[in-house]
Amino acid sequence: MAIFVSRHHHDGNMPDHVHEYGRLTVDEFARLVGHNLASARQAKGLSQEHVARMVGIAGYTYQKYEKGESRPGAPMNPQMGTLLALCQVLDVELAELLPKPWPDFTAGR
C-alpha cells in the first residue's frame, strides 16, 4: 500500500488518514497542491496578488488555486502553462507541488 507523505507541515487542513489503496481523492489532491502553492509563495515572501500578476492570471483565480479550487466545489485544474509559470515564479519543481500518490484520474472514464 502506498502512503501519502507531505513534505510540508501538517496544519490540520490536510488529510490525516490513508484511504483504501493509499490514494488521495481528487479533491484532497487539489487541496494539497493548493497548500503546496501557498507554502512556496510564503517561503518567497510574495503576496497572492503579486504571484498572480507575474503568472498572468487574476488574483481571484490564484486565491482559489491556493484553496485547491477552480470554482466553489470543483477541484483546481489549471492549464499546464499556468502551472509551469507558477513553478517558475515560485522557484519550485513541478514535483514539489504534486503530492503522491496521485489520485486515479481515469476513474469513471
PDB file of N, CA and C in Angstrom:
ATOM      1  N   MET A   1       0.842  -1.175   0.000  1.00  0.00           N
ATOM      2  CA  MET A   1       0.000   0.000   0.000  1.00  0.00           C
ATOM      3  C   MET A   1       0.889   1.240   0.000  1.00  0.00           C
ATOM      4  N   ALA A   2       0.601   2.178  -0.895  1.00  0.00           N
ATOM      5  CA  ALA A   2       1.334   3.448  -0.918  1.00  0.00           C
ATOM      6  C   ALA A   2       0.779   4.341   0.177  1.00  0.00           C
ATOM      7  N   ILE A   3       1.639   5.117   0.781  1.00  0.00           N
ATOM      8  CA  ILE A   3       1.218   6.013   1.857  1.00  0.00           C
ATOM      9  C   ILE A   3       1.625   7.427   1.496  1.00  0.00           C
ATOM     10  N   PHE A   4       0.683   8.353   1.624  1.00  0.00           N
ATOM     11  CA  PHE A   4       0.954   9.749   1.333  1.00  0.00           C
ATOM     12  C   PHE A   4       1.804  10.357   2.435  1.00  0.00           C
ATOM     13  N   VAL A   5       2.863  11.043   2.032  1.00  0.00           N
ATOM     14  CA  VAL A   5       3.699  11.768   2.987  1.00  0.00           C
ATOM     15  C   VAL A   5       3.867  13.178   2.456  1.00  0.00           C
ATOM     16  N   SER A   6       3.473  14.158   3.228  1.00  0.00           N
ATOM     17  CA  SER A   6       3.629  15.555   2.826  1.00  0.00           C
ATOM     18  C   SER A   6       5.008  16.048   3.212  1.00  0.00           C
ATOM     19  N   ARG A   7       5.584  16.871   2.360  1.00  0.00           N
ATOM     20  CA  ARG A   7       6.870  17.486   2.671  1.00  0.00           C
ATOM     21  C   ARG A   7       6.672  18.732   3.515  1.00  0.00           C
ATOM     22  N   HIS A   8       5.446  19.160   3.656  1.00  0.00           N
ATOM     23  CA  HIS A   8       5.156  20.400   4.357  1.00  0.00           C
ATOM     24  C   HIS A   8       4.511  20.118   5.709  1.00  0.00           C
ATOM     25  N   HIS A   9       4.539  21.095   6.573  1.00  0.00           N
ATOM     26  CA  HIS A   9       3.975  20.977   7.912  1.00  0.00           C
ATOM     27  C   HIS A   9       2.490  20.629   7.834  1.00  0.00           C
ATOM     28  N   HIS A  10       2.080  19.664   8.612  1.00  0.00           N
ATOM     29  CA  HIS A  10       0.679  19.249   8.677  1.00  0.00           C
ATOM     30  C   HIS A  10      -0.087  20.262   9.516  1.00  0.00           C
ATOM     31  N   ASP A  11      -1.039  20.967   8.911  1.00  0.00           N
ATOM     32  CA  ASP A  11      -1.717  22.061   9.609  1.00  0.00           C
ATOM     33  C   ASP A  11      -3.162  21.772   9.980  1.00  0.00           C
ATOM     34  N   GLY A  12      -3.592  20.543   9.885  1.00  0.00           N
ATOM     35  CA  GLY A  12      -4.961  20.213  10.257  1.00  0.00           C
ATOM     36  C   GLY A  12      -5.936  20.306   9.097  1.00  0.00           C
ATOM     37  N   ASN A  13      -5.563  20.977   8.009  1.00  0.00           N
ATOM     38  CA  ASN A  13      -6.427  21.065   6.841  1.00  0.00           C
ATOM     39  C   ASN A  13      -6.131  19.959   5.838  1.00  0.00           C
ATOM     40  N   MET A  14      -5.071  19.235   6.079  1.00  0.00           N
ATOM     41  CA  MET A  14      -4.672  18.178   5.173  1.00  0.00           C
ATOM     42  C   MET A  14      -5.255  16.850   5.659  1.00  0.00           C
ATOM     43  N   PRO A  15      -5.460  15.918   4.752  1.00  0.00           N
ATOM     44  CA  PRO A  15      -5.989  14.630   5.189  1.00  0.00           C
ATOM     45  C   PRO A  15      -5.026  13.967   6.161  1.00  0.00           C
ATOM     46  N   ASP A  16      -5.561  13.416   7.230  1.00  0.00           N
ATOM     47  CA  ASP A  16      -4.695  12.777   8.221  1.00  0.00           C
ATOM     48  C   ASP A  16      -4.919  11.274   8.242  1.00  0.00           C
ATOM     49  N   HIS A  17      -5.446  10.750   7.144  1.00  0.00           N
ATOM     50  CA  HIS A  17      -5.676   9.321   7.061  1.00  0.00           C
ATOM     51  C   HIS A  17      -5.263   8.836   5.681  1.00  0.00           C
ATOM     52  N   VAL A  18      -5.100   7.561   5.565  1.00  0.00           N
ATOM     53  CA  VAL A  18      -4.769   6.948   4.289  1.00  0.00           C
ATOM     54  C   VAL A  18      -6.016   6.209   3.827  1.00  0.00           C
ATOM     55  N   HIS A  19      -6.405   6.452   2.586  1.00  0.00           N
ATOM     56  CA  HIS A  19      -7.575   5.793   2.027  1.00  0.00           C
ATOM     57  C   HIS A  19      -7.216   4.374   1.591  1.00  0.00           C
ATOM     58  N   GLU A  20      -8.246   3.608   1.311  1.00  0.00           N
ATOM     59  CA  GLU A  20      -8.021   2.286   0.755  1.00  0.00           C
ATOM     60  C   GLU A  20      -7.102   2.430  -0.452  1.00  0.00           C
ATOM     61  N   TYR A  21      -6.145   1.588  -0.592  1.00  0.00           N
ATOM     62  CA  TYR A  21      -5.136   1.595  -1.641  1.00  0.00           C
ATOM     63  C   TYR A  21      -4.180   2.784  -1.505  1.00  0.00           C
ATOM     64  N   GLY A  22      -4.272   3.563  -0.422  1.00  0.00           N
ATOM     65  CA  GLY A  22      -3.338   4.646  -0.203  1.00  0.00           C
ATOM     66  C   GLY A  22      -3.506   5.833  -1.122  1.00  0.00           C
ATOM     67  N   ARG A  23      -4.630   5.958  -1.781  1.00  0.00           N
ATOM     68  CA  ARG A  23      -4.841   7.034  -2.745  1.00  0.00           C
ATOM     69  C   ARG A  23      -5.616   8.191  -2.131  1.00  0.00           C
ATOM     70  N   LEU A  24      -5.230   9.395  -2.536  1.00  0.00           N
ATOM     71  CA  LEU A  24      -5.984  10.585  -2.186  1.00  0.00           C
ATOM     72  C   LEU A  24      -7.152  10.715  -3.146  1.00  0.00           C
ATOM     73  N   THR A  25      -8.193  11.389  -2.706  1.00  0.00           N
ATOM     74  CA  THR A  25      -9.261  11.735  -3.643  1.00  0.00           C
ATOM     75  C   THR A  25      -8.769  12.902  -4.491  1.00  0.00           C
ATOM     76  N   VAL A  26      -9.435  13.180  -5.596  1.00  0.00           N
ATOM     77  CA  VAL A  26      -9.069  14.312  -6.445  1.00  0.00           C
ATOM     78  C   VAL A  26      -9.202  15.607  -5.655  1.00  0.00           C
ATOM     79  N   ASP A  27     -10.233  15.734  -4.836  1.00  0.00           N
ATOM     80  CA  ASP A  27     -10.417  16.942  -4.025  1.00  0.00           C
ATOM     81  C   ASP A  27      -9.272  17.117  -3.020  1.00  0.00           C
ATOM     82  N   GLU A  28      -8.869  16.041  -2.359  1.00  0.00           N
ATOM     83  CA  GLU A  28      -7.753  16.110  -1.408  1.00  0.00           C
ATOM     84  C   GLU A  28      -6.456  16.468  -2.122  1.00  0.00           C
ATOM     85  N   PHE A  29      -6.247  15.851  -3.266  1.00  0.00           N
ATOM     86  CA  PHE A  29      -5.057  16.132  -4.058  1.00  0.00           C
ATOM     87  C   PHE A  29      -5.002  17.618  -4.418  1.00  0.00           C
ATOM     88  N   ALA A  30      -6.116  18.161  -4.891  1.00  0.00           N
ATOM     89  CA  ALA A  30      -6.178  19.579  -5.269  1.00  0.00           C
ATOM     90  C   ALA A  30      -5.905  20.482  -4.066  1.00  0.00           C
ATOM     91  N   ARG A  31      -6.463  20.134  -2.899  1.00  0.00           N
ATOM     92  CA  ARG A  31      -6.212  20.938  -1.691  1.00  0.00           C
ATOM     93  C   ARG A  31      -4.740  20.899  -1.302  1.00  0.00           C
ATOM     94  N   LEU A  32      -4.104  19.752  -1.464  1.00  0.00           N
ATOM     95  CA  LEU A  32      -2.679  19.640  -1.144  1.00  0.00           C
ATOM     96  C   LEU A  32      -1.816  20.431  -2.126  1.00  0.00           C
ATOM     97  N   VAL A  33      -2.185  20.416  -3.397  1.00  0.00           N
ATOM     98  CA  VAL A  33      -1.470  21.244  -4.374  1.00  0.00           C
ATOM     99  C   VAL A  33      -1.614  22.710  -3.972  1.00  0.00           C
ATOM    100  N   GLY A  34      -2.822  23.119  -3.592  1.00  0.00           N
ATOM    101  CA  GLY A  34      -3.045  24.495  -3.142  1.00  0.00           C
ATOM    102  C   GLY A  34      -2.215  24.826  -1.914  1.00  0.00           C
ATOM    103  N   HIS A  35      -2.149  23.902  -0.980  1.00  0.00           N
ATOM    104  CA  HIS A  35      -1.342  24.087   0.225  1.00  0.00           C
ATOM    105  C   HIS A  35       0.140  24.238  -0.144  1.00  0.00           C
ATOM    106  N   ASN A  36       0.594  23.423  -1.081  1.00  0.00           N
ATOM    107  CA  ASN A  36       1.984  23.496  -1.515  1.00  0.00           C
ATOM    108  C   ASN A  36       2.274  24.816  -2.232  1.00  0.00           C
ATOM    109  N   LEU A  37       1.308  25.309  -3.012  1.00  0.00           N
ATOM    110  CA  LEU A  37       1.460  26.622  -3.648  1.00  0.00           C
ATOM    111  C   LEU A  37       1.598  27.708  -2.586  1.00  0.00           C
ATOM    112  N   ALA A  38       0.713  27.687  -1.603  1.00  0.00           N
ATOM    113  CA  ALA A  38       0.737  28.703  -0.544  1.00  0.00           C
ATOM    114  C   ALA A  38       2.056  28.656   0.222  1.00  0.00           C
ATOM    115  N   SER A  39       2.522  27.461   0.536  1.00  0.00           N
ATOM    116  CA  SER A  39       3.791  27.320   1.272  1.00  0.00           C
ATOM    117  C   SER A  39       4.960  27.867   0.462  1.00  0.00           C
ATOM    118  N   ALA A  40       4.985  27.558  -0.829  1.00  0.00           N
ATOM    119  CA  ALA A  40       6.067  28.032  -1.689  1.00  0.00           C
ATOM    120  C   ALA A  40       6.014  29.551  -1.823  1.00  0.00           C
ATOM    121  N   ARG A  41       4.811  30.097  -1.960  1.00  0.00           N
ATOM    122  CA  ARG A  41       4.657  31.546  -2.080  1.00  0.00           C
ATOM    123  C   ARG A  41       5.105  32.254  -0.809  1.00  0.00           C
ATOM    124  N   GLN A  42       4.692  31.733   0.329  1.00  0.00           N
ATOM    125  CA  GLN A  42       5.068  32.337   1.610  1.00  0.00           C
ATOM    126  C   GLN A  42       6.572  32.253   1.831  1.00  0.00           C
ATOM    127  N   ALA A  43       7.184  31.157   1.418  1.00  0.00           N
ATOM    128  CA  ALA A  43       8.636  31.000   1.564  1.00  0.00           C
ATOM    129  C   ALA A  43       9.391  32.049   0.743  1.00  0.00           C
ATOM    130  N   LYS A  44       8.804  32.481  -0.369  1.00  0.00           N
ATOM    131  CA  LYS A  44       9.413  33.518  -1.211  1.00  0.00           C
ATOM    132  C   LYS A  44       9.051  34.924  -0.736  1.00  0.00           C
ATOM    133  N   GLY A  45       8.111  35.027   0.219  1.00  0.00           N
ATOM    134  CA  GLY A  45       7.705  36.334   0.725  1.00  0.00           C
ATOM    135  C   GLY A  45       6.871  37.129  -0.260  1.00  0.00           C
ATOM    136  N   LEU A  46       6.113  36.448  -1.106  1.00  0.00           N
ATOM    137  CA  LEU A  46       5.307  37.112  -2.129  1.00  0.00           C
ATOM    138  C   LEU A  46       3.835  37.134  -1.741  1.00  0.00           C
ATOM    139  N   SER A  47       3.128  38.140  -2.187  1.00  0.00           N
ATOM    140  CA  SER A  47       1.682  38.195  -1.976  1.00  0.00           C
ATOM    141  C   SER A  47       0.980  37.376  -3.062  1.00  0.00           C
ATOM    142  N   GLN A  48      -0.243  36.978  -2.786  1.00  0.00           N
ATOM    143  CA  GLN A  48      -1.027  36.254  -3.781  1.00  0.00           C
ATOM    144  C   GLN A  48      -1.199  37.105  -5.033  1.00  0.00           C
ATOM    145  N   GLU A  49      -1.471  38.378  -4.850  1.00  0.00           N
ATOM    146  CA  GLU A  49      -1.691  39.284  -5.980  1.00  0.00           C
ATOM    147  C   GLU A  49      -0.433  39.402  -6.844  1.00  0.00           C
ATOM    148  N   HIS A  50       0.720  39.477  -6.198  1.00  0.00           N
ATOM    149  CA  HIS A  50       1.987  39.586  -6.942  1.00  0.00           C
ATOM    150  C   HIS A  50       2.238  38.330  -7.770  1.00  0.00           C
ATOM    151  N   VAL A  51       2.033  37.171  -7.179  1.00  0.00           N
ATOM    152  CA  VAL A  51       2.220  35.917  -7.909  1.00  0.00           C
ATOM    153  C   VAL A  51       1.260  35.865  -9.091  1.00  0.00           C
ATOM    154  N   ALA A  52       0.004  36.189  -8.859  1.00  0.00           N
ATOM    155  CA  ALA A  52      -0.995  36.156  -9.930  1.00  0.00           C
ATOM    156  C   ALA A  52      -0.586  37.076 -11.076  1.00  0.00           C
ATOM    157  N   ARG A  53      -0.155  38.272 -10.751  1.00  0.00           N
ATOM    158  CA  ARG A  53       0.260  39.242 -11.765  1.00  0.00           C
ATOM    159  C   ARG A  53       1.447  38.710 -12.568  1.00  0.00           C
ATOM    160  N   MET A  54       2.429  38.111 -11.890  1.00  0.00           N
ATOM    161  CA  MET A  54       3.615  37.592 -12.571  1.00  0.00           C
ATOM    162  C   MET A  54       3.281  36.416 -13.490  1.00  0.00           C
ATOM    163  N   VAL A  55       2.254  35.655 -13.126  1.00  0.00           N
ATOM    164  CA  VAL A  55       1.860  34.486 -13.904  1.00  0.00           C
ATOM    165  C   VAL A  55       0.889  34.870 -15.021  1.00  0.00           C
ATOM    166  N   GLY A  56       0.207  36.003 -14.861  1.00  0.00           N
ATOM    167  CA  GLY A  56      -0.749  36.447 -15.874  1.00  0.00           C
ATOM    168  C   GLY A  56      -2.148  35.925 -15.666  1.00  0.00           C
ATOM    169  N   ILE A  57      -2.511  35.694 -14.387  1.00  0.00           N
ATOM    170  CA  ILE A  57      -3.875  35.266 -14.077  1.00  0.00           C
ATOM    171  C   ILE A  57      -4.481  36.254 -13.087  1.00  0.00           C
ATOM    172  N   ALA A  58      -5.774  36.196 -12.934  1.00  0.00           N
ATOM    173  CA  ALA A  58      -6.462  37.080 -11.990  1.00  0.00           C
ATOM    174  C   ALA A  58      -6.112  36.694 -10.553  1.00  0.00           C
ATOM    175  N   GLY A  59      -6.042  37.681  -9.691  1.00  0.00           N
ATOM    176  CA  GLY A  59      -5.762  37.435  -8.276  1.00  0.00           C
ATOM    177  C   GLY A  59      -6.764  36.478  -7.669  1.00  0.00           C
ATOM    178  N   TYR A  60      -8.046  36.633  -8.034  1.00  0.00           N
ATOM    179  CA  TYR A  60      -9.102  35.755  -7.523  1.00  0.00           C
ATOM    180  C   TYR A  60      -8.845  34.306  -7.942  1.00  0.00           C
ATOM    181  N   THR A  61      -8.390  34.125  -9.176  1.00  0.00           N
ATOM    182  CA  THR A  61      -8.095  32.773  -9.666  1.00  0.00           C
ATOM    183  C   THR A  61      -6.981  32.143  -8.843  1.00  0.00           C
ATOM    184  N   TYR A  62      -5.926  32.925  -8.588  1.00  0.00           N
ATOM    185  CA  TYR A  62      -4.823  32.370  -7.801  1.00  0.00           C
ATOM    186  C   TYR A  62      -5.274  32.074  -6.372  1.00  0.00           C
ATOM    187  N   GLN A  63      -6.092  32.930  -5.789  1.00  0.00           N
ATOM    188  CA  GLN A  63      -6.610  32.671  -4.430  1.00  0.00           C
ATOM    189  C   GLN A  63      -7.359  31.342  -4.402  1.00  0.00           C
ATOM    190  N   LYS A  64      -8.148  31.081  -5.431  1.00  0.00           N
ATOM    191  CA  LYS A  64      -8.887  29.810  -5.497  1.00  0.00           C
ATOM    192  C   LYS A  64      -7.912  28.631  -5.628  1.00  0.00           C
ATOM    193  N   TYR A  65      -6.849  28.814  -6.396  1.00  0.00           N
ATOM    194  CA  TYR A  65      -5.867  27.741  -6.534  1.00  0.00           C
ATOM    195  C   TYR A  65      -5.265  27.377  -5.185  1.00  0.00           C
ATOM    196  N   GLU A  66      -4.965  28.368  -4.369  1.00  0.00           N
ATOM    197  CA  GLU A  66      -4.398  28.060  -3.051  1.00  0.00           C
ATOM    198  C   GLU A  66      -5.400  27.334  -2.164  1.00  0.00           C
ATOM    199  N   LYS A  67      -6.676  27.450  -2.466  1.00  0.00           N
ATOM    200  CA  LYS A  67      -7.700  26.688  -1.746  1.00  0.00           C
ATOM    201  C   LYS A  67      -7.924  25.326  -2.393  1.00  0.00           C
ATOM    202  N   GLY A  68      -7.268  25.097  -3.539  1.00  0.00           N
ATOM    203  CA  GLY A  68      -7.435  23.836  -4.253  1.00  0.00           C
ATOM    204  C   GLY A  68      -8.671  23.797  -5.114  1.00  0.00           C
ATOM    205  N   GLU A  69      -9.207  24.959  -5.451  1.00  0.00           N
ATOM    206  CA  GLU A  69     -10.458  25.034  -6.219  1.00  0.00           C
ATOM    207  C   GLU A  69     -10.268  25.808  -7.515  1.00  0.00           C
ATOM    208  N   SER A  70     -11.096  25.482  -8.501  1.00  0.00           N
ATOM    209  CA  SER A  70     -11.204  26.302  -9.702  1.00  0.00           C
ATOM    210  C   SER A  70     -12.404  27.218  -9.542  1.00  0.00           C
ATOM    211  N   ARG A  71     -13.464  26.646  -9.014  1.00  0.00           N
ATOM    212  CA  ARG A  71     -14.670  27.380  -8.632  1.00  0.00           C
ATOM    213  C   ARG A  71     -15.230  26.654  -7.428  1.00  0.00           C
ATOM    214  N   PRO A  72     -16.108  27.260  -6.674  1.00  0.00           N
ATOM    215  CA  PRO A  72     -16.600  26.585  -5.464  1.00  0.00           C
ATOM    216  C   PRO A  72     -17.088  25.162  -5.752  1.00  0.00           C
ATOM    217  N   GLY A  73     -16.545  24.229  -4.999  1.00  0.00           N
ATOM    218  CA  GLY A  73     -16.963  22.832  -5.119  1.00  0.00           C
ATOM    219  C   GLY A  73     -16.273  22.046  -6.219  1.00  0.00           C
ATOM    220  N   ALA A  74     -15.409  22.694  -7.007  1.00  0.00           N
ATOM    221  CA  ALA A  74     -14.714  21.988  -8.083  1.00  0.00           C
ATOM    222  C   ALA A  74     -13.208  22.062  -7.837  1.00  0.00           C
ATOM    223  N   PRO A  75     -12.507  20.916  -7.882  1.00  0.00           N
ATOM    224  CA  PRO A  75     -11.064  20.942  -7.637  1.00  0.00           C
ATOM    225  C   PRO A  75     -10.336  21.748  -8.709  1.00  0.00           C
ATOM    226  N   MET A  76      -9.222  22.351  -8.302  1.00  0.00           N
ATOM    227  CA  MET A  76      -8.443  23.155  -9.243  1.00  0.00           C
ATOM    228  C   MET A  76      -7.983  22.310 -10.412  1.00  0.00           C
ATOM    229  N   ASN A  77      -7.912  22.945 -11.579  1.00  0.00           N
ATOM    230  CA  ASN A  77      -7.478  22.262 -12.783  1.00  0.00           C
ATOM    231  C   ASN A  77      -6.841  23.303 -13.707  1.00  0.00           C
ATOM    232  N   PRO A  78      -5.671  23.849 -13.283  1.00  0.00           N
ATOM    233  CA  PRO A  78      -5.039  24.899 -14.089  1.00  0.00           C
ATOM    234  C   PRO A  78      -4.482  24.356 -15.394  1.00  0.00           C
ATOM    235  N   GLN A  79      -4.351  25.231 -16.373  1.00  0.00           N
ATOM    236  CA  GLN A  79      -3.715  24.854 -17.627  1.00  0.00           C
ATOM    237  C   GLN A  79      -2.240  24.568 -17.360  1.00  0.00           C
ATOM    238  N   MET A  80      -1.653  23.723 -18.179  1.00  0.00           N
ATOM    239  CA  MET A  80      -0.253  23.340 -17.994  1.00  0.00           C
ATOM    240  C   MET A  80       0.656  24.558 -17.999  1.00  0.00           C
ATOM    241  N   GLY A  81       0.440  25.485 -18.908  1.00  0.00           N
ATOM    242  CA  GLY A  81       1.270  26.686 -18.972  1.00  0.00           C
ATOM    243  C   GLY A  81       1.197  27.497 -17.690  1.00  0.00           C
ATOM    244  N   THR A  82       0.013  27.579 -17.098  1.00  0.00           N
ATOM    245  CA  THR A  82      -0.162  28.300 -15.841  1.00  0.00           C
ATOM    246  C   THR A  82       0.586  27.596 -14.717  1.00  0.00           C
ATOM    247  N   LEU A  83       0.474  26.291 -14.663  1.00  0.00           N
ATOM    248  CA  LEU A  83       1.149  25.521 -13.625  1.00  0.00           C
ATOM    249  C   LEU A  83       2.667  25.667 -13.730  1.00  0.00           C
ATOM    250  N   LEU A  84       3.190  25.614 -14.937  1.00  0.00           N
ATOM    251  CA  LEU A  84       4.632  25.761 -15.127  1.00  0.00           C
ATOM    252  C   LEU A  84       5.090  27.184 -14.823  1.00  0.00           C
ATOM    253  N   ALA A  85       4.273  28.175 -15.166  1.00  0.00           N
ATOM    254  CA  ALA A  85       4.605  29.562 -14.833  1.00  0.00           C
ATOM    255  C   ALA A  85       4.637  29.742 -13.314  1.00  0.00           C
ATOM    256  N   LEU A  86       3.703  29.114 -12.599  1.00  0.00           N
ATOM    257  CA  LEU A  86       3.708  29.177 -11.135  1.00  0.00           C
ATOM    258  C   LEU A  86       5.001  28.581 -10.585  1.00  0.00           C
ATOM    259  N   CYS A  87       5.437  27.470 -11.152  1.00  0.00           N
ATOM    260  CA  CYS A  87       6.692  26.854 -10.714  1.00  0.00           C
ATOM    261  C   CYS A  87       7.862  27.810 -10.926  1.00  0.00           C
ATOM    262  N   GLN A  88       7.890  28.484 -12.058  1.00  0.00           N
ATOM    263  CA  GLN A  88       8.978  29.416 -12.348  1.00  0.00           C
ATOM    264  C   GLN A  88       8.965  30.594 -11.382  1.00  0.00           C
ATOM    265  N   VAL A  89       7.795  31.180 -11.167  1.00  0.00           N
ATOM    266  CA  VAL A  89       7.681  32.338 -10.280  1.00  0.00           C
ATOM    267  C   VAL A  89       8.033  31.958  -8.850  1.00  0.00           C
ATOM    268  N   LEU A  90       7.598  30.773  -8.417  1.00  0.00           N
ATOM    269  CA  LEU A  90       7.821  30.346  -7.037  1.00  0.00           C
ATOM    270  C   LEU A  90       9.143  29.611  -6.860  1.00  0.00           C
ATOM    271  N   ASP A  91       9.844  29.387  -7.966  1.00  0.00           N
ATOM    272  CA  ASP A  91      11.149  28.726  -7.942  1.00  0.00           C
ATOM    273  C   ASP A  91      11.074  27.343  -7.296  1.00  0.00           C
ATOM    274  N   VAL A  92      10.106  26.541  -7.783  1.00  0.00           N
ATOM    275  CA  VAL A  92       9.939  25.166  -7.313  1.00  0.00           C
ATOM    276  C   VAL A  92       9.820  24.242  -8.523  1.00  0.00           C
ATOM    277  N   GLU A  93      10.159  23.001  -8.310  1.00  0.00           N
ATOM    278  CA  GLU A  93       9.964  21.980  -9.339  1.00  0.00           C
ATOM    279  C   GLU A  93       8.506  21.542  -9.313  1.00  0.00           C
ATOM    280  N   LEU A  94       7.998  21.151 -10.449  1.00  0.00           N
ATOM    281  CA  LEU A  94       6.613  20.687 -10.538  1.00  0.00           C
ATOM    282  C   LEU A  94       6.356  19.550  -9.553  1.00  0.00           C
ATOM    283  N   ALA A  95       7.295  18.647  -9.406  1.00  0.00           N
ATOM    284  CA  ALA A  95       7.133  17.504  -8.493  1.00  0.00           C
ATOM    285  C   ALA A  95       6.951  17.956  -7.047  1.00  0.00           C
ATOM    286  N   GLU A  96       7.474  19.133  -6.690  1.00  0.00           N
ATOM    287  CA  GLU A  96       7.319  19.639  -5.326  1.00  0.00           C
ATOM    288  C   GLU A  96       5.890  20.088  -5.042  1.00  0.00           C
ATOM    289  N   LEU A  97       5.144  20.416  -6.090  1.00  0.00           N
ATOM    290  CA  LEU A  97       3.761  20.856  -5.914  1.00  0.00           C
ATOM    291  C   LEU A  97       2.771  19.697  -5.907  1.00  0.00           C
ATOM    292  N   LEU A  98       3.153  18.591  -6.543  1.00  0.00           N
ATOM    293  CA  LEU A  98       2.216  17.485  -6.747  1.00  0.00           C
ATOM    294  C   LEU A  98       2.455  16.362  -5.739  1.00  0.00           C
ATOM    295  N   PRO A  99       1.540  16.203  -4.772  1.00  0.00           N
ATOM    296  CA  PRO A  99       1.702  15.139  -3.770  1.00  0.00           C
ATOM    297  C   PRO A  99       1.532  13.757  -4.407  1.00  0.00           C
ATOM    298  N   LYS A 100       2.107  12.773  -3.759  1.00  0.00           N
ATOM    299  CA  LYS A 100       1.962  11.389  -4.217  1.00  0.00           C
ATOM    300  C   LYS A 100       1.383  10.560  -3.098  1.00  0.00           C
ATOM    301  N   PRO A 101       0.696   9.511  -3.386  1.00  0.00           N
ATOM    302  CA  PRO A 101       0.384   9.021  -4.719  1.00  0.00           C
ATOM    303  C   PRO A 101      -0.722   9.854  -5.356  1.00  0.00           C
ATOM    304  N   TRP A 102      -0.697   9.947  -6.668  1.00  0.00           N
ATOM    305  CA  TRP A 102      -1.729  10.692  -7.374  1.00  0.00           C
ATOM    306  C   TRP A 102      -3.051   9.943  -7.287  1.00  0.00           C
ATOM    307  N   PRO A 103      -4.154  10.689  -7.326  1.00  0.00           N
ATOM    308  CA  PRO A 103      -5.457  10.019  -7.400  1.00  0.00           C
ATOM    309  C   PRO A 103      -5.601   9.315  -8.761  1.00  0.00           C
ATOM    310  N   ASP A 104      -6.583   8.479  -8.869  1.00  0.00           N
ATOM    311  CA  ASP A 104      -6.868   7.824 -10.141  1.00  0.00           C
ATOM    312  C   ASP A 104      -7.719   8.776 -10.974  1.00  0.00           C
ATOM    313  N   PHE A 105      -7.089   9.512 -11.866  1.00  0.00           N
ATOM    314  CA  PHE A 105      -7.809  10.471 -12.705  1.00  0.00           C
ATOM    315  C   PHE A 105      -8.548   9.787 -13.852  1.00  0.00           C
ATOM    316  N   THR A 106      -8.341   8.492 -14.021  1.00  0.00           N
ATOM    317  CA  THR A 106      -9.042   7.776 -15.084  1.00  0.00           C
ATOM    318  C   THR A 106     -10.328   7.127 -14.589  1.00  0.00           C
ATOM    319  N   ALA A 107     -10.576   7.167 -13.297  1.00  0.00           N
ATOM    320  CA  ALA A 107     -11.768   6.525 -12.726  1.00  0.00           C
ATOM    321  C   ALA A 107     -13.033   7.076 -13.395  1.00  0.00           C
ATOM    322  N   GLY A 108     -13.886   6.198 -13.794  1.00  0.00           N
ATOM    323  CA  GLY A 108     -15.167   6.587 -14.372  1.00  0.00           C
ATOM    324  C   GLY A 108     -15.093   6.974 -15.829  1.00  0.00           C
ATOM    325  N   ARG A 109     -13.979   6.711 -16.472  1.00  0.00           N
ATOM    326  CA  ARG A 109     -13.861   7.070 -17.899  1.00  0.00           C
ATOM    327  C   ARG A 109     -13.912   5.837 -18.757  1.00  0.00           C
TER     328      ARG A 109
END
